[in-house]
N, C-alpha and C. Protein backbone atom coordinates (compact mmCIF):
# COMPACT_ATOMS: atom_id res chain seq x y z
N MET A 1 -59.94 84.80 -151.90
CA MET A 1 -59.91 83.33 -152.19
C MET A 1 -58.33 82.93 -152.30
N MET A 2 -57.49 83.73 -152.79
CA MET A 2 -56.12 83.43 -152.98
C MET A 2 -55.62 83.20 -151.59
N ARG A 3 -55.94 84.03 -150.78
CA ARG A 3 -55.29 83.97 -149.35
C ARG A 3 -55.65 82.63 -148.55
N GLN A 4 -56.85 82.10 -148.81
CA GLN A 4 -57.25 80.94 -148.22
C GLN A 4 -56.53 79.72 -148.89
N SER A 5 -56.33 79.74 -150.11
CA SER A 5 -55.61 78.66 -150.75
C SER A 5 -54.07 78.69 -150.40
N VAL A 6 -53.69 79.75 -150.17
CA VAL A 6 -52.22 79.87 -149.64
C VAL A 6 -52.11 79.29 -148.35
N SER A 7 -53.06 79.73 -147.43
CA SER A 7 -53.03 79.25 -146.16
C SER A 7 -53.30 77.86 -145.80
N GLN A 8 -54.20 77.34 -146.88
CA GLN A 8 -54.46 75.89 -146.88
C GLN A 8 -53.12 75.28 -147.30
N GLU A 9 -52.29 75.68 -148.30
CA GLU A 9 -51.29 75.00 -148.71
C GLU A 9 -50.24 75.06 -147.62
N GLN A 10 -50.05 76.10 -146.90
CA GLN A 10 -49.12 76.14 -145.65
C GLN A 10 -49.54 75.13 -144.65
N ASP A 11 -50.83 75.04 -144.34
CA ASP A 11 -51.22 74.00 -143.45
C ASP A 11 -50.86 72.62 -143.96
N ILE A 12 -51.10 72.25 -145.10
CA ILE A 12 -50.75 71.01 -145.66
C ILE A 12 -49.23 70.82 -145.60
N GLU A 13 -48.38 71.76 -145.89
CA GLU A 13 -46.95 71.61 -145.80
C GLU A 13 -46.53 71.46 -144.51
N SER A 14 -47.19 72.07 -143.41
CA SER A 14 -46.89 71.89 -142.03
C SER A 14 -47.14 70.48 -141.66
N VAL A 15 -48.26 69.95 -142.02
CA VAL A 15 -48.66 68.61 -141.66
C VAL A 15 -47.58 67.64 -142.28
N ALA A 16 -47.26 67.84 -143.52
CA ALA A 16 -46.28 67.04 -144.15
C ALA A 16 -45.11 66.99 -143.50
N PHE A 17 -44.53 68.18 -143.17
CA PHE A 17 -43.34 68.43 -142.44
C PHE A 17 -43.19 67.56 -141.05
N VAL A 18 -44.29 67.87 -140.18
CA VAL A 18 -44.38 67.28 -139.04
C VAL A 18 -44.44 65.73 -139.23
N SER A 19 -45.18 65.26 -140.10
CA SER A 19 -45.36 63.82 -140.33
C SER A 19 -43.97 63.19 -140.78
N SER A 20 -43.22 63.95 -141.51
CA SER A 20 -41.99 63.40 -141.94
C SER A 20 -40.93 63.39 -140.86
N THR A 21 -41.04 64.39 -139.84
CA THR A 21 -40.06 64.39 -138.73
C THR A 21 -40.45 63.58 -137.58
N ILE A 22 -41.73 63.23 -137.37
CA ILE A 22 -42.11 62.42 -136.28
C ILE A 22 -42.17 60.96 -136.75
N THR A 23 -41.26 60.17 -136.16
CA THR A 23 -41.36 58.78 -136.51
C THR A 23 -42.39 58.01 -135.83
N PRO A 24 -42.91 56.92 -136.21
CA PRO A 24 -43.82 56.06 -135.61
C PRO A 24 -43.53 55.92 -134.13
N MET A 25 -42.35 55.67 -133.76
CA MET A 25 -41.84 55.53 -132.35
C MET A 25 -42.17 56.84 -131.47
N ARG A 26 -41.83 57.85 -132.20
CA ARG A 26 -42.00 59.12 -131.53
C ARG A 26 -43.44 59.58 -131.24
N MET A 27 -44.40 59.05 -132.27
CA MET A 27 -45.86 59.26 -132.12
C MET A 27 -46.35 58.47 -130.89
N MET A 28 -45.73 57.21 -130.73
CA MET A 28 -46.18 56.31 -129.77
C MET A 28 -45.83 56.89 -128.40
N ASP A 29 -44.66 57.69 -128.22
CA ASP A 29 -44.27 58.38 -127.07
C ASP A 29 -45.35 59.36 -126.65
N HIS A 30 -45.92 60.05 -127.55
CA HIS A 30 -46.91 60.91 -127.26
C HIS A 30 -48.24 60.31 -126.87
N VAL A 31 -48.36 59.09 -127.21
CA VAL A 31 -49.64 58.36 -126.66
C VAL A 31 -49.31 57.63 -125.41
N TRP A 32 -48.33 56.98 -125.47
CA TRP A 32 -47.95 56.00 -124.24
C TRP A 32 -47.55 56.76 -122.97
N LYS A 33 -46.74 57.71 -123.16
CA LYS A 33 -46.25 58.34 -121.96
C LYS A 33 -47.27 58.95 -121.05
N PRO A 34 -48.36 59.60 -121.71
CA PRO A 34 -49.38 60.15 -120.74
C PRO A 34 -50.12 58.99 -120.06
N ALA A 35 -50.32 57.94 -120.83
CA ALA A 35 -51.11 56.77 -120.41
C ALA A 35 -50.30 56.08 -119.16
N LEU A 36 -49.03 55.92 -119.35
CA LEU A 36 -48.19 55.23 -118.42
C LEU A 36 -48.04 56.11 -117.22
N LEU A 37 -48.03 57.42 -117.35
CA LEU A 37 -47.98 58.44 -116.22
C LEU A 37 -49.23 58.22 -115.41
N ALA A 38 -50.34 58.30 -116.23
CA ALA A 38 -51.79 58.15 -115.40
C ALA A 38 -51.83 56.88 -114.61
N ALA A 39 -51.29 55.78 -115.17
CA ALA A 39 -51.24 54.46 -114.55
C ALA A 39 -50.37 54.49 -113.39
N GLY A 40 -49.28 55.03 -113.53
CA GLY A 40 -48.33 55.11 -112.47
C GLY A 40 -48.81 55.88 -111.22
N LEU A 41 -49.49 57.09 -111.48
CA LEU A 41 -50.09 57.80 -110.43
C LEU A 41 -51.27 57.12 -109.83
N PHE A 42 -51.98 56.36 -110.53
CA PHE A 42 -53.02 55.61 -109.93
C PHE A 42 -52.61 54.50 -109.08
N LEU A 43 -51.54 53.76 -109.61
CA LEU A 43 -50.93 52.69 -108.79
C LEU A 43 -50.21 53.12 -107.53
N SER A 44 -49.54 54.25 -107.57
CA SER A 44 -48.89 54.79 -106.49
C SER A 44 -49.80 55.41 -105.47
N THR A 45 -50.99 55.90 -105.78
CA THR A 45 -51.96 56.22 -104.82
C THR A 45 -52.61 55.06 -104.16
N ALA A 46 -52.90 53.96 -104.89
CA ALA A 46 -53.31 52.76 -104.28
C ALA A 46 -52.60 52.06 -103.36
N THR A 47 -51.12 52.08 -103.71
CA THR A 47 -50.23 51.64 -102.80
C THR A 47 -50.09 52.33 -101.37
N ALA A 48 -50.11 53.68 -101.53
CA ALA A 48 -50.00 54.53 -100.33
C ALA A 48 -51.40 54.34 -99.54
N ALA A 49 -52.34 54.07 -100.18
CA ALA A 49 -53.64 53.94 -99.38
C ALA A 49 -53.60 52.66 -98.70
N GLY A 50 -53.17 51.62 -99.22
CA GLY A 50 -52.88 50.33 -98.54
C GLY A 50 -51.98 50.33 -97.37
N ALA A 51 -50.96 51.12 -97.41
CA ALA A 51 -50.02 51.19 -96.53
C ALA A 51 -50.61 51.84 -95.14
N VAL A 52 -51.47 52.75 -95.35
CA VAL A 52 -52.10 53.42 -94.32
C VAL A 52 -52.88 52.42 -93.44
N SER A 53 -53.61 51.61 -94.08
CA SER A 53 -54.54 50.74 -93.33
C SER A 53 -53.94 49.27 -93.10
N GLY A 54 -52.69 49.14 -93.54
CA GLY A 54 -52.14 47.79 -93.27
C GLY A 54 -52.73 46.95 -94.47
N GLY A 55 -53.37 47.33 -95.41
CA GLY A 55 -53.65 46.56 -96.55
C GLY A 55 -54.97 46.05 -96.60
N GLY A 56 -55.86 46.65 -95.79
CA GLY A 56 -57.18 46.23 -95.90
C GLY A 56 -57.87 46.72 -94.63
N LEU A 57 -59.11 46.26 -94.51
CA LEU A 57 -60.05 46.62 -93.25
C LEU A 57 -59.61 45.91 -92.03
N ASP A 58 -58.85 44.77 -92.19
CA ASP A 58 -58.40 44.07 -91.10
C ASP A 58 -59.36 43.71 -89.97
N TYR A 59 -59.25 44.42 -88.93
CA TYR A 59 -60.27 44.18 -87.67
C TYR A 59 -61.29 45.13 -87.67
N ALA A 60 -61.48 46.11 -88.59
CA ALA A 60 -62.39 47.14 -88.50
C ALA A 60 -63.82 46.66 -88.26
N GLY A 61 -64.44 47.26 -87.33
CA GLY A 61 -66.00 46.96 -87.06
C GLY A 61 -66.32 45.57 -86.56
N ILE A 62 -65.41 44.83 -85.99
CA ILE A 62 -65.70 43.56 -85.34
C ILE A 62 -65.47 43.63 -83.84
N ASP A 63 -66.06 42.66 -83.13
CA ASP A 63 -66.00 42.51 -81.76
C ASP A 63 -64.73 41.60 -81.27
N ILE A 64 -63.70 42.18 -80.75
CA ILE A 64 -62.62 41.42 -80.45
C ILE A 64 -62.50 41.48 -78.87
N THR A 65 -63.61 41.66 -78.11
CA THR A 65 -63.67 41.74 -76.65
C THR A 65 -62.85 40.70 -75.92
N GLY A 66 -62.06 40.92 -75.09
CA GLY A 66 -61.33 39.93 -74.21
C GLY A 66 -60.20 39.16 -74.91
N GLN A 67 -59.97 39.45 -76.09
CA GLN A 67 -58.99 38.59 -76.79
C GLN A 67 -57.64 39.09 -76.47
N ASP A 68 -56.57 38.20 -76.76
CA ASP A 68 -55.28 38.49 -76.45
C ASP A 68 -54.37 38.79 -77.77
N PHE A 69 -54.03 40.06 -77.86
CA PHE A 69 -53.26 40.47 -79.09
C PHE A 69 -51.83 40.96 -78.48
N SER A 70 -51.38 40.49 -77.32
CA SER A 70 -50.12 40.88 -76.73
C SER A 70 -48.94 40.24 -77.33
N ASN A 71 -47.86 41.02 -77.21
CA ASN A 71 -46.48 40.43 -77.49
C ASN A 71 -46.38 40.13 -78.94
N SER A 72 -46.80 40.93 -79.94
CA SER A 72 -46.91 40.52 -81.27
C SER A 72 -46.48 41.74 -82.04
N ASN A 73 -45.68 41.46 -83.18
CA ASN A 73 -45.35 42.45 -84.18
C ASN A 73 -46.19 42.47 -85.40
N SER A 74 -47.26 41.57 -85.43
CA SER A 74 -47.97 41.49 -86.61
C SER A 74 -49.13 42.28 -86.85
N TYR A 75 -49.33 43.24 -85.95
CA TYR A 75 -50.34 44.25 -86.20
C TYR A 75 -50.09 45.56 -86.57
N LYS A 76 -48.84 45.76 -87.01
CA LYS A 76 -48.35 47.21 -87.44
C LYS A 76 -49.18 47.64 -88.55
N GLY A 77 -49.79 48.74 -88.44
CA GLY A 77 -50.52 49.43 -89.66
C GLY A 77 -51.90 48.77 -89.79
N LYS A 78 -52.43 48.18 -88.84
CA LYS A 78 -53.82 47.51 -89.04
C LYS A 78 -54.78 48.63 -88.80
N ASP A 79 -55.92 48.24 -89.24
CA ASP A 79 -57.22 49.06 -89.15
C ASP A 79 -58.15 48.43 -88.10
N PHE A 80 -58.31 49.18 -86.94
CA PHE A 80 -59.13 48.70 -85.81
C PHE A 80 -60.36 49.65 -85.84
N THR A 81 -60.75 50.31 -86.79
CA THR A 81 -61.68 51.35 -86.70
C THR A 81 -63.05 50.75 -86.27
N GLN A 82 -63.63 51.41 -85.30
CA GLN A 82 -64.96 51.06 -84.79
C GLN A 82 -65.05 49.62 -84.15
N VAL A 83 -63.77 49.22 -83.84
CA VAL A 83 -63.71 47.93 -83.27
C VAL A 83 -64.31 47.90 -81.72
N ILE A 84 -64.70 46.78 -81.39
CA ILE A 84 -65.20 46.67 -79.82
C ILE A 84 -64.07 45.76 -79.26
N ALA A 85 -63.33 46.50 -78.33
CA ALA A 85 -62.26 45.70 -77.77
C ALA A 85 -62.40 45.91 -76.24
N LYS A 86 -63.22 45.64 -75.67
CA LYS A 86 -63.37 45.80 -74.10
C LYS A 86 -62.60 44.61 -73.45
N GLY A 87 -61.71 45.12 -72.70
CA GLY A 87 -60.80 44.29 -71.88
C GLY A 87 -59.96 43.46 -72.76
N THR A 88 -59.46 43.93 -73.99
CA THR A 88 -58.64 43.21 -74.81
C THR A 88 -57.22 43.62 -74.42
N SER A 89 -56.29 42.71 -74.70
CA SER A 89 -54.84 42.98 -74.35
C SER A 89 -54.04 43.12 -75.42
N PHE A 90 -53.29 44.29 -75.56
CA PHE A 90 -52.32 44.59 -76.65
C PHE A 90 -51.08 44.85 -76.01
N VAL A 91 -50.75 44.25 -74.70
CA VAL A 91 -49.46 44.37 -73.86
C VAL A 91 -48.34 44.10 -74.94
N LYS A 92 -47.39 45.07 -74.82
CA LYS A 92 -46.07 45.01 -75.64
C LYS A 92 -46.25 44.62 -77.23
N SER A 93 -47.31 45.00 -77.66
CA SER A 93 -47.46 44.70 -78.98
C SER A 93 -46.98 45.90 -79.99
N ASN A 94 -46.65 45.68 -81.22
CA ASN A 94 -46.20 46.76 -82.21
C ASN A 94 -47.49 47.29 -82.88
N LEU A 95 -48.03 48.32 -82.45
CA LEU A 95 -49.05 48.80 -83.07
C LEU A 95 -48.85 50.18 -83.89
N GLN A 96 -47.78 50.37 -84.25
CA GLN A 96 -47.39 51.47 -85.14
C GLN A 96 -48.33 51.69 -86.27
N GLY A 97 -48.72 52.94 -86.36
CA GLY A 97 -49.61 53.39 -87.47
C GLY A 97 -51.01 52.70 -87.45
N CYS A 98 -51.32 52.07 -86.48
CA CYS A 98 -52.73 51.46 -86.40
C CYS A 98 -53.78 52.60 -86.29
N ARG A 99 -54.87 52.15 -86.72
CA ARG A 99 -56.04 53.18 -86.70
C ARG A 99 -57.25 52.66 -85.81
N PHE A 100 -57.41 53.34 -84.65
CA PHE A 100 -58.37 52.95 -83.74
C PHE A 100 -59.49 53.95 -83.62
N TYR A 101 -59.77 54.53 -84.83
CA TYR A 101 -60.72 55.60 -84.87
C TYR A 101 -62.15 55.11 -84.47
N LYS A 102 -62.69 55.79 -83.51
CA LYS A 102 -64.16 55.39 -82.93
C LYS A 102 -64.21 54.12 -82.36
N ALA A 103 -63.14 53.61 -81.95
CA ALA A 103 -63.06 52.25 -81.30
C ALA A 103 -63.47 52.28 -79.84
N TYR A 104 -64.16 51.35 -79.35
CA TYR A 104 -64.55 50.95 -78.10
C TYR A 104 -63.49 50.23 -77.28
N LEU A 105 -62.69 50.89 -76.45
CA LEU A 105 -61.40 50.40 -75.83
C LEU A 105 -61.42 50.46 -74.39
N VAL A 106 -62.70 50.28 -73.87
CA VAL A 106 -62.81 50.26 -72.38
C VAL A 106 -62.16 49.22 -71.78
N ASN A 107 -61.32 49.44 -70.67
CA ASN A 107 -60.49 48.52 -69.90
C ASN A 107 -59.53 47.71 -70.90
N THR A 108 -59.07 48.35 -71.95
CA THR A 108 -58.13 47.72 -72.87
C THR A 108 -56.71 47.94 -72.28
N ASP A 109 -55.94 46.91 -72.35
CA ASP A 109 -54.51 46.97 -71.79
C ASP A 109 -53.48 47.15 -73.09
N PHE A 110 -52.94 48.43 -73.02
CA PHE A 110 -51.92 48.78 -73.96
C PHE A 110 -50.51 48.66 -73.34
N GLU A 111 -50.38 48.33 -72.13
CA GLU A 111 -49.06 48.51 -71.41
C GLU A 111 -47.79 48.04 -72.12
N GLY A 112 -46.89 48.89 -72.28
CA GLY A 112 -45.59 48.56 -73.00
C GLY A 112 -45.79 48.60 -74.52
N ALA A 113 -47.02 48.89 -75.08
CA ALA A 113 -47.19 48.81 -76.53
C ALA A 113 -46.44 50.01 -77.35
N ASP A 114 -46.12 49.71 -78.53
CA ASP A 114 -45.59 50.64 -79.30
C ASP A 114 -46.70 51.19 -80.20
N LEU A 115 -47.23 52.40 -79.98
CA LEU A 115 -48.31 53.13 -80.55
C LEU A 115 -47.95 54.22 -81.37
N ARG A 116 -46.62 54.31 -81.76
CA ARG A 116 -46.19 55.40 -82.59
C ARG A 116 -46.81 55.65 -83.91
N GLY A 117 -47.24 56.77 -84.06
CA GLY A 117 -47.98 57.25 -85.25
C GLY A 117 -49.58 56.54 -85.30
N ALA A 118 -50.01 55.98 -84.25
CA ALA A 118 -51.47 55.47 -84.33
C ALA A 118 -52.37 56.66 -84.12
N SER A 119 -53.61 56.26 -84.46
CA SER A 119 -54.77 57.18 -84.34
C SER A 119 -55.71 56.58 -83.43
N LEU A 120 -55.80 57.27 -82.18
CA LEU A 120 -56.80 56.89 -81.22
C LEU A 120 -57.74 58.06 -80.99
N GLU A 121 -58.40 58.58 -82.14
CA GLU A 121 -59.32 59.63 -82.06
C GLU A 121 -60.75 59.07 -81.95
N ASP A 122 -61.62 59.93 -81.14
CA ASP A 122 -63.08 59.64 -80.93
C ASP A 122 -63.10 58.21 -80.43
N THR A 123 -62.22 57.74 -79.52
CA THR A 123 -62.53 56.52 -79.05
C THR A 123 -63.14 56.56 -77.52
N SER A 124 -63.57 55.41 -76.90
CA SER A 124 -64.01 55.35 -75.68
C SER A 124 -62.86 54.55 -75.00
N MET A 125 -62.15 55.33 -74.01
CA MET A 125 -60.90 54.75 -73.40
C MET A 125 -61.10 54.63 -71.92
N ASP A 126 -62.28 54.64 -71.34
CA ASP A 126 -62.48 54.41 -69.97
C ASP A 126 -61.78 53.27 -69.45
N GLY A 127 -60.86 53.53 -68.52
CA GLY A 127 -60.18 52.41 -67.72
C GLY A 127 -59.03 51.77 -68.59
N ALA A 128 -58.65 52.40 -69.79
CA ALA A 128 -57.54 51.71 -70.53
C ALA A 128 -56.17 52.00 -69.93
N ASN A 129 -55.40 51.13 -70.18
CA ASN A 129 -53.98 51.25 -69.50
C ASN A 129 -53.02 51.47 -70.56
N LEU A 130 -52.30 52.78 -70.35
CA LEU A 130 -51.39 53.30 -71.27
C LEU A 130 -50.09 53.41 -70.57
N LYS A 131 -49.94 52.70 -69.60
CA LYS A 131 -48.58 52.63 -68.87
C LYS A 131 -47.40 52.07 -69.77
N ASP A 132 -46.37 52.82 -69.70
CA ASP A 132 -45.12 52.33 -70.48
C ASP A 132 -45.26 52.43 -72.05
N VAL A 133 -46.36 53.02 -72.46
CA VAL A 133 -46.50 53.00 -74.05
C VAL A 133 -45.52 53.97 -74.67
N ASN A 134 -45.10 53.83 -75.94
CA ASN A 134 -44.43 54.68 -76.84
C ASN A 134 -45.41 55.25 -77.76
N ALA A 135 -46.03 56.47 -77.28
CA ALA A 135 -47.05 57.03 -78.18
C ALA A 135 -46.57 58.34 -79.01
N VAL A 136 -45.32 58.18 -79.39
CA VAL A 136 -44.65 59.18 -80.03
C VAL A 136 -45.37 59.52 -81.46
N GLY A 137 -45.93 60.83 -81.68
CA GLY A 137 -46.58 61.13 -82.86
C GLY A 137 -47.92 60.47 -83.02
N THR A 138 -48.59 60.00 -81.87
CA THR A 138 -49.84 59.39 -81.91
C THR A 138 -51.03 60.54 -81.80
N TYR A 139 -52.09 60.25 -82.41
CA TYR A 139 -53.27 61.17 -82.47
C TYR A 139 -54.20 60.63 -81.36
N PHE A 140 -54.52 61.59 -80.44
CA PHE A 140 -55.60 61.34 -79.39
C PHE A 140 -56.75 62.48 -79.36
N SER A 141 -57.86 62.04 -78.74
CA SER A 141 -58.81 63.01 -78.61
C SER A 141 -59.04 63.15 -77.00
N LYS A 142 -60.13 63.77 -76.65
CA LYS A 142 -60.31 64.13 -75.19
C LYS A 142 -60.57 62.81 -74.49
N SER A 143 -60.74 61.71 -75.06
CA SER A 143 -61.06 60.39 -74.28
C SER A 143 -59.67 59.85 -73.54
N LEU A 144 -58.53 60.64 -73.91
CA LEU A 144 -57.22 60.38 -73.22
C LEU A 144 -57.30 60.49 -71.70
N LEU A 145 -58.30 61.42 -71.30
CA LEU A 145 -58.42 61.78 -69.88
C LEU A 145 -59.05 60.58 -69.27
N ASP A 146 -59.77 59.75 -69.75
CA ASP A 146 -60.52 58.61 -69.25
C ASP A 146 -59.71 57.37 -68.92
N VAL A 147 -58.45 57.27 -69.47
CA VAL A 147 -57.61 56.22 -69.16
C VAL A 147 -57.10 55.89 -67.74
N LYS A 148 -56.91 54.73 -67.39
CA LYS A 148 -56.53 54.45 -66.02
C LYS A 148 -55.02 54.84 -65.61
N SER A 149 -54.17 54.67 -66.60
CA SER A 149 -52.79 55.19 -66.26
C SER A 149 -52.06 55.54 -67.51
N VAL A 150 -51.25 56.72 -67.44
CA VAL A 150 -50.25 57.13 -68.34
C VAL A 150 -48.88 57.13 -67.93
N GLU A 151 -48.63 56.47 -66.75
CA GLU A 151 -47.35 56.57 -66.06
C GLU A 151 -46.28 55.93 -67.09
N ASN A 152 -45.07 56.55 -67.11
CA ASN A 152 -44.08 56.26 -68.02
C ASN A 152 -44.35 56.26 -69.59
N ALA A 153 -45.37 56.82 -69.87
CA ALA A 153 -45.71 56.99 -71.22
C ALA A 153 -44.92 58.07 -71.94
N ASP A 154 -44.55 57.93 -73.26
CA ASP A 154 -43.92 58.90 -74.04
C ASP A 154 -44.84 59.47 -75.06
N PHE A 155 -45.28 60.83 -74.79
CA PHE A 155 -46.19 61.40 -75.80
C PHE A 155 -45.54 62.45 -76.62
N THR A 156 -44.35 62.40 -76.83
CA THR A 156 -43.59 63.31 -77.67
C THR A 156 -44.29 63.48 -79.09
N ASP A 157 -44.44 64.71 -79.57
CA ASP A 157 -44.96 64.97 -80.81
C ASP A 157 -46.48 64.47 -81.02
N SER A 158 -47.04 63.98 -79.96
CA SER A 158 -48.48 63.45 -80.18
C SER A 158 -49.40 64.72 -80.28
N GLN A 159 -50.48 64.46 -81.11
CA GLN A 159 -51.43 65.39 -81.29
C GLN A 159 -52.53 65.24 -80.19
N ILE A 160 -52.65 66.16 -79.35
CA ILE A 160 -53.53 66.05 -78.15
C ILE A 160 -54.33 67.40 -78.11
N PRO A 161 -55.58 67.45 -78.07
CA PRO A 161 -56.21 68.76 -77.96
C PRO A 161 -55.65 69.49 -76.76
N GLU A 162 -55.50 70.85 -76.99
CA GLU A 162 -54.93 71.62 -75.84
C GLU A 162 -55.51 71.48 -74.64
N LYS A 163 -56.87 71.63 -74.57
CA LYS A 163 -57.54 71.51 -73.18
C LYS A 163 -57.26 70.19 -72.53
N THR A 164 -57.26 69.18 -73.35
CA THR A 164 -57.05 67.82 -72.73
C THR A 164 -55.59 67.68 -72.19
N GLN A 165 -54.67 68.26 -72.93
CA GLN A 165 -53.28 68.16 -72.49
C GLN A 165 -53.18 68.94 -71.23
N ILE A 166 -53.69 69.91 -71.01
CA ILE A 166 -53.69 70.89 -69.76
C ILE A 166 -54.32 70.10 -68.66
N LEU A 167 -55.36 69.37 -68.88
CA LEU A 167 -55.97 68.55 -67.77
C LEU A 167 -55.30 67.47 -67.59
N LEU A 168 -54.61 66.93 -68.51
CA LEU A 168 -53.72 65.59 -68.47
C LEU A 168 -52.67 65.85 -67.50
N CYS A 169 -51.98 67.06 -67.58
CA CYS A 169 -50.79 67.36 -66.88
C CYS A 169 -51.20 67.58 -65.37
N GLU A 170 -52.41 67.72 -65.00
CA GLU A 170 -52.81 67.79 -63.68
C GLU A 170 -53.01 66.47 -62.95
N ARG A 171 -52.83 65.24 -63.71
CA ARG A 171 -53.11 63.97 -63.07
C ARG A 171 -51.90 63.57 -62.41
N GLU A 172 -51.87 62.94 -61.23
CA GLU A 172 -50.90 62.32 -60.44
C GLU A 172 -50.02 61.26 -61.27
N ASP A 173 -50.67 60.42 -62.07
CA ASP A 173 -49.92 59.45 -62.67
C ASP A 173 -49.21 59.98 -63.94
N VAL A 174 -49.17 61.27 -64.18
CA VAL A 174 -48.21 61.75 -65.30
C VAL A 174 -46.91 61.92 -64.69
N LYS A 175 -46.12 60.81 -64.75
CA LYS A 175 -44.78 60.75 -64.03
C LYS A 175 -44.02 59.64 -64.69
N GLY A 176 -42.66 59.65 -64.21
CA GLY A 176 -41.93 58.47 -64.71
C GLY A 176 -41.23 58.78 -65.93
N THR A 177 -40.58 57.71 -66.41
CA THR A 177 -39.59 57.68 -67.59
C THR A 177 -39.97 56.55 -68.37
N ASN A 178 -40.08 56.74 -69.70
CA ASN A 178 -40.61 55.60 -70.66
C ASN A 178 -39.29 54.72 -70.60
N PRO A 179 -39.61 53.31 -70.52
CA PRO A 179 -38.57 52.35 -70.61
C PRO A 179 -37.92 52.13 -71.89
N SER A 180 -38.65 52.40 -72.95
CA SER A 180 -37.94 52.19 -74.34
C SER A 180 -37.50 53.41 -74.84
N THR A 181 -37.87 54.63 -74.58
CA THR A 181 -37.38 56.00 -75.18
C THR A 181 -36.38 56.79 -74.17
N GLY A 182 -36.56 56.37 -72.92
CA GLY A 182 -35.91 57.16 -71.83
C GLY A 182 -36.41 58.68 -71.78
N VAL A 183 -37.54 58.92 -72.26
CA VAL A 183 -38.18 60.24 -72.11
C VAL A 183 -39.05 60.23 -70.97
N ASP A 184 -38.95 61.46 -70.25
CA ASP A 184 -39.87 61.78 -69.12
C ASP A 184 -41.30 62.01 -69.50
N THR A 185 -42.20 61.34 -68.84
CA THR A 185 -43.70 61.61 -69.30
C THR A 185 -44.05 63.07 -69.32
N ARG A 186 -43.82 63.78 -68.22
CA ARG A 186 -44.27 65.21 -68.10
C ARG A 186 -43.55 66.02 -69.24
N GLU A 187 -42.32 65.68 -69.35
CA GLU A 187 -41.62 66.48 -70.59
C GLU A 187 -42.29 66.23 -71.83
N SER A 188 -42.56 64.89 -72.17
CA SER A 188 -43.11 64.60 -73.42
C SER A 188 -44.51 65.25 -73.65
N LEU A 189 -45.27 65.62 -72.54
CA LEU A 189 -46.57 66.25 -72.57
C LEU A 189 -46.47 67.79 -72.60
N MET A 190 -45.23 68.25 -72.38
CA MET A 190 -44.88 69.60 -72.15
C MET A 190 -45.62 70.34 -70.96
N CYS A 191 -45.69 69.47 -69.81
CA CYS A 191 -46.24 70.09 -68.78
C CYS A 191 -45.38 71.07 -67.94
N LEU A 192 -46.05 72.06 -67.45
CA LEU A 192 -45.15 73.14 -66.85
C LEU A 192 -44.81 72.68 -65.42
């Protein structure tokens, strides 16, 4: 019995000591700092997600067939996921970081466009024109083989399936030098 009472007294003294050394402001630090940290992590995650898609769904899932999106800087980072863009023109537009995941890009004209860091995975690209594009760091799937032209395109550091890259190097239009980067198309694809 005596031991328990001594232990209880020590606990009471410990609480009294802690209470006297922690000011109300320091107690608030213990409450607010974790809450502010959690809020900061949440907000930084939300901001990063917005940056990837250009701040929203943008053009995702809509039909922009035959429209003219050429010569513009206002599409950087936009989301074109599952867009229907048959015969649409993106000539000389800034499409950096755009997402064209599962988009229908048949006969779409990207000539001279800036596609750096864009995602063109699982797209339908039959007859699409990639002449003179800057596709540095862009993600492609096997549909890259279906495009009309890759002449003068820069594919440096692009993610292209290995088998697709090998077949792409066999094409006659894999030639020339990109007008904006000065990089040889065959070298950018690491063709032998």
